[in-house]
C-alpha atoms as a PDB file:
ATOM      1  CA  MET A   1      68.903  78.439 108.229  1.00  0.00           C
ATOM      2  CA  ALA A   2      72.689  78.688 108.328  1.00  0.00           C
ATOM      3  CA  THR A   3      74.525  79.339 111.585  1.00  0.00           C
ATOM      4  CA  ARG A   4      77.310  81.921 111.709  1.00  0.00           C
ATOM      5  CA  THR A   5      79.427  82.241 114.880  1.00  0.00           C
ATOM      6  CA  MET A   6      81.195  85.524 115.512  1.00  0.00           C
ATOM      7  CA  GLU A   7      84.511  85.525 117.379  1.00  0.00           C
ATOM      8  CA  ASN A   8      83.064  87.004 120.563  1.00  0.00           C
ATOM      9  CA  GLU A   9      80.599  89.487 121.975  1.00  0.00           C
ATOM     10  CA  SER A  10      83.173  92.283 121.901  1.00  0.00           C
ATOM     11  CA  ASP A  11      83.186  92.210 118.086  1.00  0.00           C
ATOM     12  CA  ARG A  12      79.476  92.982 117.985  1.00  0.00           C
ATOM     13  CA  LEU A  13      79.749  95.786 120.529  1.00  0.00           C
ATOM     14  CA  LEU A  14      82.832  97.205 118.866  1.00  0.00           C
ATOM     15  CA  SER A  15      81.068  97.387 115.511  1.00  0.00           C
ATOM     16  CA  MET A  16      78.252  99.385 117.153  1.00  0.00           C
ATOM     17  CA  MET A  17      80.803 101.847 118.497  1.00  0.00           C
ATOM     18  CA  LEU A  18      82.366 102.322 115.039  1.00  0.00           C
ATOM     19  CA  ILE A  19      79.347 102.444 112.717  1.00  0.00           C
ATOM     20  CA  PRO A  20      78.588 106.114 113.600  1.00  0.00           C
ATOM     21  CA  PHE A  21      81.963 107.130 112.104  1.00  0.00           C
ATOM     22  CA  MET A  22      80.815 105.990 108.669  1.00  0.00           C
ATOM     23  CA  SER A  23      79.226 108.841 106.747  1.00  0.00           C
ATOM     24  CA  CYS A  24      75.512 108.377 106.069  1.00  0.00           C
ATOM     25  CA  THR A  25      73.104 110.020 103.627  1.00  0.00           C
ATOM     26  CA  ALA A  26      71.779 112.275 106.410  1.00  0.00           C
ATOM     27  CA  ARG A  27      75.103 114.132 106.402  1.00  0.00           C
ATOM     28  CA  LEU A  28      75.126 114.727 102.641  1.00  0.00           C
ATOM     29  CA  PRO A  29      73.107 118.000 102.872  1.00  0.00           C
ATOM     30  CA  ILE A  30      75.785 119.350 105.233  1.00  0.00           C
ATOM     31  CA  TYR A  31      78.576 118.445 102.833  1.00  0.00           C
ATOM     32  CA  SER A  32      76.613 119.837  99.898  1.00  0.00           C
ATOM     33  CA  ILE A  33      76.184 123.266 101.465  1.00  0.00           C
ATOM     34  CA  PHE A  34      79.721 123.621 102.815  1.00  0.00           C
ATOM     35  CA  VAL A  35      81.440 122.204  99.763  1.00  0.00           C
ATOM     36  CA  GLY A  36      79.342 124.500  97.578  1.00  0.00           C
ATOM     37  CA  ALA A  37      80.321 127.484  99.702  1.00  0.00           C
ATOM     38  CA  PHE A  38      84.066 126.851 100.002  1.00  0.00           C
ATOM     39  CA  PHE A  39      85.314 123.972  97.867  1.00  0.00           C
ATOM     40  CA  ALA A  40      83.349 124.089  94.617  1.00  0.00           C
ATOM     41  CA  ALA A  41      86.529 123.753  92.541  1.00  0.00           C
ATOM     42  CA  ASN A  42      87.573 120.553  94.336  1.00  0.00           C
ATOM     43  CA  GLU A  43      84.249 119.166  95.535  1.00  0.00           C
ATOM     44  CA  GLY A  44      84.990 115.554  94.552  1.00  0.00           C
ATOM     45  CA  LEU A  45      88.321 115.533  96.364  1.00  0.00           C
ATOM     46  CA  ILE A  46      86.879 117.152  99.486  1.00  0.00           C
ATOM     47  CA  LEU A  47      83.980 114.686  99.679  1.00  0.00           C
ATOM     48  CA  LEU A  48      86.357 111.773  99.201  1.00  0.00           C
ATOM     49  CA  SER A  49      88.605 113.080 101.971  1.00  0.00           C
ATOM     50  CA  ILE A  50      85.640 113.290 104.376  1.00  0.00           C
ATOM     51  CA  TYR A  51      84.640 109.678 103.697  1.00  0.00           C
ATOM     52  CA  LEU A  52      88.243 108.511 104.036  1.00  0.00           C
ATOM     53  CA  LEU A  53      88.568 110.475 107.276  1.00  0.00           C
ATOM     54  CA  GLY A  54      85.687 108.490 108.769  1.00  0.00           C
ATOM     55  CA  ILE A  55      87.309 105.184 107.759  1.00  0.00           C
ATOM     56  CA  VAL A  56      90.749 106.125 109.116  1.00  0.00           C
ATOM     57  CA  VAL A  57      89.308 107.414 112.399  1.00  0.00           C
ATOM     58  CA  ALA A  58      87.213 104.245 112.782  1.00  0.00           C
ATOM     59  CA  LEU A  59      90.311 102.071 112.342  1.00  0.00           C
ATOM     60  CA  ILE A  60      92.296 104.087 114.885  1.00  0.00           C
ATOM     61  CA  VAL A  61      89.472 104.080 117.442  1.00  0.00           C
ATOM     62  CA  ALA A  62      88.944 100.343 116.875  1.00  0.00           C
ATOM     63  CA  GLY A  63      92.591  99.683 117.699  1.00  0.00           C
ATOM     64  CA  ILE A  64      92.353 101.760 120.879  1.00  0.00           C
ATOM     65  CA  LEU A  65      89.095 100.191 122.059  1.00  0.00           C
ATOM     66  CA  LYS A  66      90.269  96.619 121.447  1.00  0.00           C
ATOM     67  CA  ARG A  67      93.200  97.293 123.756  1.00  0.00           C
ATOM     68  CA  THR A  68      91.157  99.050 126.446  1.00  0.00           C
ATOM     69  CA  ILE A  69      87.472  98.657 127.303  1.00  0.00           C
ATOM     70  CA  PHE A  70      86.878  95.638 125.027  1.00  0.00           C
ATOM     71  CA  LYS A  71      90.033  93.760 125.962  1.00  0.00           C
ATOM     72  CA  GLY A  72      88.364  91.508 128.540  1.00  0.00           C
ATOM     73  CA  LEU A  73      85.129  90.754 126.698  1.00  0.00           C
ATOM     74  CA  SER A  74      85.121  87.300 125.152  1.00  0.00           C
ATOM     75  CA  ALA A  75      81.604  85.886 125.495  1.00  0.00           C
ATOM     76  CA  PRO A  76      80.609  83.849 122.415  1.00  0.00           C
ATOM     77  CA  PHE A  77      77.967  85.245 120.118  1.00  0.00           C
ATOM     78  CA  VAL A  78      75.959  83.107 117.718  1.00  0.00           C
ATOM     79  CA  MET A  79      73.741  84.572 115.021  1.00  0.00           C
ATOM     80  CA  GLU A  80      71.287  82.683 112.839  1.00  0.00           C
ATOM     81  CA  LEU A  81      71.358  83.905 109.241  1.00  0.00           C
ATOM     82  CA  PRO A  82      69.275  82.759 106.268  1.00  0.00           C
ATOM     83  CA  THR A  83      70.860  80.940 103.359  1.00  0.00           C
ATOM     84  CA  TYR A  84      72.274  83.409 100.855  1.00  0.00           C
ATOM     85  CA  LYS A  85      70.111  83.829  97.760  1.00  0.00           C
ATOM     86  CA  VAL A  86      69.905  86.182  94.801  1.00  0.00           C
ATOM     87  CA  PRO A  87      67.407  88.898  95.786  1.00  0.00           C
ATOM     88  CA  SER A  88      64.146  89.038  93.888  1.00  0.00           C
ATOM     89  CA  LEU A  89      62.935  92.189  92.165  1.00  0.00           C
ATOM     90  CA  LYS A  90      59.895  92.261  94.434  1.00  0.00           C
ATOM     91  CA  GLY A  91      62.077  92.014  97.532  1.00  0.00           C
ATOM     92  CA  VAL A  92      64.351  94.806  96.349  1.00  0.00           C
ATOM     93  CA  LEU A  93      61.395  97.084  95.582  1.00  0.00           C
ATOM     94  CA  LEU A  94      59.745  96.372  98.935  1.00  0.00           C
ATOM     95  CA  HIS A  95      63.008  97.017 100.788  1.00  0.00           C
ATOM     96  CA  THR A  96      63.540 100.268  98.869  1.00  0.00           C
ATOM     97  CA  TRP A  97      59.988 101.383  99.626  1.00  0.00           C
ATOM     98  CA  GLU A  98      60.377 100.649 103.336  1.00  0.00           C
ATOM     99  CA  LYS A  99      63.593 102.673 103.507  1.00  0.00           C
ATOM    100  CA  THR A 100      62.054 105.536 101.518  1.00  0.00           C
ATOM    101  CA  LYS A 101      58.919 105.533 103.658  1.00  0.00           C
ATOM    102  CA  GLY A 102      61.039 105.558 106.803  1.00  0.00           C
ATOM    103  CA  PHE A 103      63.008 108.556 105.590  1.00  0.00           C
ATOM    104  CA  LEU A 104      59.862 110.462 104.578  1.00  0.00           C
ATOM    105  CA  LYS A 105      58.313 109.726 107.962  1.00  0.00           C
ATOM    106  CA  LYS A 106      61.452 110.961 109.675  1.00  0.00           C
ATOM    107  CA  ALA A 107      61.567 114.071 107.492  1.00  0.00           C
ATOM    108  CA  GLY A 108      57.907 114.790 108.110  1.00  0.00           C
ATOM    109  CA  THR A 109      58.030 114.372 111.878  1.00  0.00           C
ATOM    110  CA  ILE A 110      61.390 114.829 113.579  1.00  0.00           C
ATOM    111  CA  ILE A 111      62.829 117.340 111.124  1.00  0.00           C
ATOM    112  CA  LEU A 112      59.596 119.349 110.882  1.00  0.00           C
ATOM    113  CA  ALA A 113      59.138 119.356 114.656  1.00  0.00           C
ATOM    114  CA  SER A 114      62.727 120.504 115.134  1.00  0.00           C
ATOM    115  CA  ALA A 115      62.262 123.324 112.630  1.00  0.00           C
ATOM    116  CA  ILE A 116      59.154 124.481 114.522  1.00  0.00           C
ATOM    117  CA  VAL A 117      60.982 124.447 117.871  1.00  0.00           C
ATOM    118  CA  ILE A 118      63.878 126.391 116.353  1.00  0.00           C
ATOM    119  CA  TRP A 119      61.450 128.898 114.861  1.00  0.00           C
ATOM    120  CA  ILE A 120      59.719 129.441 118.221  1.00  0.00           C
ATOM    121  CA  LEU A 121      62.959 129.847 120.157  1.00  0.00           C
ATOM    122  CA  SER A 122      64.215 132.228 117.470  1.00  0.00           C
ATOM    123  CA  SER A 123      61.133 134.420 117.943  1.00  0.00           C
ATOM    124  CA  VAL A 124      61.095 134.817 121.719  1.00  0.00           C
ATOM    125  CA  PRO A 125      61.215 136.935 123.765  1.00  0.00           C
ATOM    126  CA  PHE A 126      58.765 138.932 121.700  1.00  0.00           C
ATOM    127  CA  GLY A 127      60.114 142.171 120.345  1.00  0.00           C
ATOM    128  CA  VAL A 128      63.620 140.950 119.478  1.00  0.00           C
ATOM    129  CA  GLU A 129      64.767 140.520 115.904  1.00  0.00           C
ATOM    130  CA  TYR A 130      63.949 137.075 114.571  1.00  0.00           C
ATOM    131  CA  GLY A 131      66.852 134.656 114.780  1.00  0.00           C
ATOM    132  CA  SER A 132      69.096 137.223 116.416  1.00  0.00           C
ATOM    133  CA  GLN A 133      71.608 136.692 119.172  1.00  0.00           C
ATOM    134  CA  GLU A 134      69.134 138.310 121.603  1.00  0.00           C
ATOM    135  CA  SER A 135      66.559 135.552 121.050  1.00  0.00           C
ATOM    136  CA  VAL A 136      66.364 132.542 123.391  1.00  0.00           C
ATOM    137  CA  LEU A 137      68.015 130.386 120.756  1.00  0.00           C
ATOM    138  CA  GLY A 138      70.735 132.989 120.303  1.00  0.00           C
ATOM    139  CA  MET A 139      71.371 133.055 124.043  1.00  0.00           C
ATOM    140  CA  ILE A 140      71.771 129.273 124.111  1.00  0.00           C
ATOM    141  CA  GLY A 141      74.116 129.393 121.135  1.00  0.00           C
ATOM    142  CA  SER A 142      76.174 132.188 122.695  1.00  0.00           C
ATOM    143  CA  ALA A 143      76.527 130.187 125.927  1.00  0.00           C
ATOM    144  CA  ILE A 144      77.966 127.105 124.222  1.00  0.00           C
ATOM    145  CA  ALA A 145      79.898 128.854 121.431  1.00  0.00           C
ATOM    146  CA  PRO A 146      83.170 129.149 123.432  1.00  0.00           C
ATOM    147  CA  ILE A 147      83.308 125.344 123.671  1.00  0.00           C
ATOM    148  CA  PHE A 148      83.839 125.147 119.915  1.00  0.00           C
ATOM    149  CA  ALA A 149      86.213 128.112 119.607  1.00  0.00           C
ATOM    150  CA  PRO A 150      89.326 125.852 119.582  1.00  0.00           C
ATOM    151  CA  LEU A 151      87.774 124.029 116.621  1.00  0.00           C
ATOM    152  CA  GLY A 152      87.467 127.188 114.548  1.00  0.00           C
ATOM    153  CA  PHE A 153      83.702 127.717 114.645  1.00  0.00           C
ATOM    154  CA  SER A 154      82.746 129.825 117.641  1.00  0.00           C
ATOM    155  CA  THR A 155      79.589 131.478 116.287  1.00  0.00           C
ATOM    156  CA  TRP A 156      76.345 130.948 118.147  1.00  0.00           C
ATOM    157  CA  GLN A 157      74.685 129.731 114.944  1.00  0.00           C
ATOM    158  CA  ALA A 158      77.207 126.883 114.654  1.00  0.00           C
ATOM    159  CA  GLY A 159      76.632 125.925 118.292  1.00  0.00           C
ATOM    160  CA  ILE A 160      72.879 125.692 117.777  1.00  0.00           C
ATOM    161  CA  ALA A 161      73.352 123.649 114.582  1.00  0.00           C
ATOM    162  CA  ILE A 162      75.510 121.155 116.503  1.00  0.00           C
ATOM    163  CA  LEU A 163      72.806 120.785 119.167  1.00  0.00           C
ATOM    164  CA  THR A 164      69.938 120.319 116.718  1.00  0.00           C
ATOM    165  CA  GLY A 165      72.063 117.842 114.776  1.00  0.00           C
ATOM    166  CA  LEU A 166      71.662 115.456 117.705  1.00  0.00           C
ATOM    167  CA  VAL A 167      68.025 115.044 116.691  1.00  0.00           C
ATOM    168  CA  ALA A 168      68.845 114.341 113.056  1.00  0.00           C
ATOM    169  CA  LYS A 169      71.842 115.367 110.989  1.00  0.00           C
ATOM    170  CA  GLU A 170      69.533 116.676 108.248  1.00  0.00           C
ATOM    171  CA  VAL A 171      68.419 119.367 110.713  1.00  0.00           C
ATOM    172  CA  VAL A 172      71.876 121.005 110.725  1.00  0.00           C
ATOM    173  CA  VAL A 173      71.315 122.676 107.357  1.00  0.00           C
ATOM    174  CA  SER A 174      67.689 123.611 108.118  1.00  0.00           C
ATOM    175  CA  THR A 175      68.930 125.206 111.361  1.00  0.00           C
ATOM    176  CA  PHE A 176      71.200 127.585 109.452  1.00  0.00           C
ATOM    177  CA  THR A 177      68.363 128.260 107.018  1.00  0.00           C
ATOM    178  CA  THR A 178      65.883 129.023 109.809  1.00  0.00           C
ATOM    179  CA  LEU A 179      68.323 131.199 111.767  1.00  0.00           C
ATOM    180  CA  GLY A 180      69.019 133.186 108.616  1.00  0.00           C
ATOM    181  CA  GLY A 181      65.317 133.778 108.039  1.00  0.00           C
ATOM    182  CA  LEU A 182      65.571 132.026 104.664  1.00  0.00           C
ATOM    183  CA  GLU A 183      63.150 129.822 102.773  1.00  0.00           C
ATOM    184  CA  GLU A 184      63.675 126.093 103.261  1.00  0.00           C
ATOM    185  CA  ASP A 185      64.656 125.563  99.613  1.00  0.00           C
ATOM    186  CA  ASP A 186      66.877 128.669  99.359  1.00  0.00           C
ATOM    187  CA  GLU A 187      70.157 126.822  98.828  1.00  0.00           C
ATOM    188  CA  GLU A 188      72.001 129.854  97.490  1.00  0.00           C
ATOM    189  CA  GLY A 189      70.965 131.906 100.501  1.00  0.00           C
ATOM    190  CA  THR A 190      72.121 129.173 102.883  1.00  0.00           C
ATOM    191  CA  ILE A 191      75.460 128.885 101.075  1.00  0.00           C
ATOM    192  CA  SER A 192      75.899 132.652 101.354  1.00  0.00           C
ATOM    193  CA  LEU A 193      75.063 132.519 105.072  1.00  0.00           C
ATOM    194  CA  VAL A 194      77.595 129.803 105.950  1.00  0.00           C
ATOM    195  CA  HIS A 195      80.163 131.594 103.786  1.00  0.00           C
ATOM    196  CA  ASP A 196      79.841 134.572 106.131  1.00  0.00           C
ATOM    197  CA  LEU A 197      80.112 132.412 109.275  1.00  0.00           C
ATOM    198  CA  PHE A 198      83.042 130.164 108.359  1.00  0.00           C
ATOM    199  CA  THR A 199      86.418 130.158 106.674  1.00  0.00           C
ATOM    200  CA  PRO A 200      87.473 127.261 104.421  1.00  0.00           C
ATOM    201  CA  LEU A 201      89.505 125.741 107.259  1.00  0.00           C
ATOM    202  CA  SER A 202      86.805 126.120 109.900  1.00  0.00           C
ATOM    203  CA  ALA A 203      84.232 124.810 107.411  1.00  0.00           C
ATOM    204  CA  TYR A 204      86.230 121.611 106.923  1.00  0.00           C
ATOM    205  CA  SER A 205      86.648 121.321 110.687  1.00  0.00           C
ATOM    206  CA  PHE A 206      82.881 121.696 111.077  1.00  0.00           C
ATOM    207  CA  MET A 207      82.191 119.014 108.457  1.00  0.00           C
ATOM    208  CA  ALA A 208      84.613 116.666 110.234  1.00  0.00           C
ATOM    209  CA  PHE A 209      82.873 117.307 113.550  1.00  0.00           C
ATOM    210  CA  CYS A 210      79.450 116.605 112.006  1.00  0.00           C
ATOM    211  CA  LEU A 211      80.843 113.393 110.537  1.00  0.00           C
ATOM    212  CA  LEU A 212      82.243 112.062 113.809  1.00  0.00           C
ATOM    213  CA  TYR A 213      80.193 113.375 116.720  1.00  0.00           C
ATOM    214  CA  VAL A 214      77.191 111.768 118.408  1.00  0.00           C
ATOM    215  CA  PRO A 215      74.821 110.193 115.848  1.00  0.00           C
ATOM    216  CA  CYS A 216      71.116 110.990 115.776  1.00  0.00           C
ATOM    217  CA  PHE A 217      68.705 109.914 118.506  1.00  0.00           C
ATOM    218  CA  ALA A 218      67.374 107.118 116.280  1.00  0.00           C
ATOM    219  CA  THR A 219      70.812 105.453 116.180  1.00  0.00           C
ATOM    220  CA  ILE A 220      71.223 105.784 119.937  1.00  0.00           C
ATOM    221  CA  GLY A 221      67.791 104.200 120.416  1.00  0.00           C
ATOM    222  CA  ALA A 222      68.640 101.349 118.061  1.00  0.00           C
ATOM    223  CA  ILE A 223      71.825 100.527 119.994  1.00  0.00           C
ATOM    224  CA  LYS A 224      69.913 100.666 123.275  1.00  0.00           C
ATOM    225  CA  GLN A 225      67.341  98.252 121.889  1.00  0.00           C
ATOM    226  CA  GLU A 226      70.030  95.947 120.503  1.00  0.00           C
ATOM    227  CA  THR A 227      72.034  95.790 123.741  1.00  0.00           C
ATOM    228  CA  ASN A 228      69.071  96.128 126.119  1.00  0.00           C
ATOM    229  CA  SER A 229      71.084  98.631 128.153  1.00  0.00           C
ATOM    230  CA  TRP A 230      71.868 102.348 128.231  1.00  0.00           C
ATOM    231  CA  LYS A 231      75.512 101.612 129.018  1.00  0.00           C
ATOM    232  CA  TRP A 232      76.666 101.063 125.446  1.00  0.00           C
ATOM    233  CA  PRO A 233      74.728 103.827 123.667  1.00  0.00           C
ATOM    234  CA  LEU A 234      75.979 106.326 126.257  1.00  0.00           C
ATOM    235  CA  THR A 235      79.500 104.915 125.892  1.00  0.00           C
ATOM    236  CA  MET A 236      79.223 105.293 122.117  1.00  0.00           C
ATOM    237  CA  ALA A 237      77.977 108.880 122.513  1.00  0.00           C
ATOM    238  CA  GLY A 238      80.941 109.730 124.722  1.00  0.00           C
ATOM    239  CA  ILE A 239      83.475 108.067 122.412  1.00  0.00           C
ATOM    240  CA  THR A 240      82.167 109.775 119.281  1.00  0.00           C
ATOM    241  CA  LEU A 241      81.923 113.191 120.952  1.00  0.00           C
ATOM    242  CA  VAL A 242      85.468 113.088 122.317  1.00  0.00           C
ATOM    243  CA  THR A 243      86.802 111.725 119.026  1.00  0.00           C
ATOM    244  CA  ALA A 244      85.045 114.430 117.006  1.00  0.00           C
ATOM    245  CA  TYR A 245      86.422 117.165 119.252  1.00  0.00           C
ATOM    246  CA  ILE A 246      89.993 115.860 119.093  1.00  0.00           C
ATOM    247  CA  VAL A 247      89.973 115.341 115.320  1.00  0.00           C
ATOM    248  CA  SER A 248      88.407 118.736 114.577  1.00  0.00           C
ATOM    249  CA  PHE A 249      90.832 120.388 116.998  1.00  0.00           C
ATOM    250  CA  LEU A 250      93.776 118.830 115.183  1.00  0.00           C
ATOM    251  CA  ILE A 251      92.414 119.694 111.735  1.00  0.00           C
ATOM    252  CA  TYR A 252      91.893 123.345 112.600  1.00  0.00           C
ATOM    253  CA  ASN A 253      95.014 124.005 114.650  1.00  0.00           C
ATOM    254  CA  VAL A 254      97.380 122.068 112.400  1.00  0.00           C
ATOM    255  CA  GLY A 255      95.796 123.921 109.471  1.00  0.00           C
ATOM    256  CA  VAL A 256      96.437 127.262 111.162  1.00  0.00           C
ATOM    257  CA  LEU A 257     100.063 126.331 111.854  1.00  0.00           C
ATOM    258  CA  ALA A 258     100.410 125.282 108.205  1.00  0.00           C
ATOM    259  CA  GLY A 259      99.161 128.668 107.071  1.00  0.00           C
ATOM    260  CA  PHE A 260      95.645 127.744 105.980  1.00  0.00           C
ATOM    261  CA  GLY A 261      93.917 129.823 108.636  1.00  0.00           C
END
């Protein structure tokens, strides 16, 4: 075993705070739907800009955190790592299978359970139109919608999608699909729905918010397990939420001032 010594404990904690800003595969369905609805002619450029946005924001936040809450942390941190070797084909296949199995398990449990909860809340109280603003889910969305008005997306559907995205970012798209009463695989219908709810500017603001705000519950749990404390996952949740709000606010309002609204 080879020993690697990191500079200090703050480096490890700081990396945990910044990893959520890096776009993951769970967010790709969100980008796919919104880019297809508003930016089909420049989809490559828009996707690149989203990924670059995450990197730039991470660098800025890192600079701020190193000069504030992580300034006094300097405890040494030693990590034992195996000797570097060329991976075997068997190891690669096993690793790929484990990741695939984990995703399928997540898709078959958390995402399915979330879709069922959304469906139930969209159907009650009985007698209201399914997925309407008069449903329980619609009432919740209407209550939180004003919070996101300065970001350009003040519809109750967008508010609900943000909430369900805390469970898993893949659920954001299925939330719009369920609220629209569409089939799960009706991509064209979902694109048409978000096209009616957003403008190109507010759509980009929404994608930026989904990129930067609180990661899924699984990530929060992993950080809690790694640090053996709720302090850092809650700190990370607060940092990402505030950062997402500020960045989306700037994107939308600067865009409006520039004439893109």
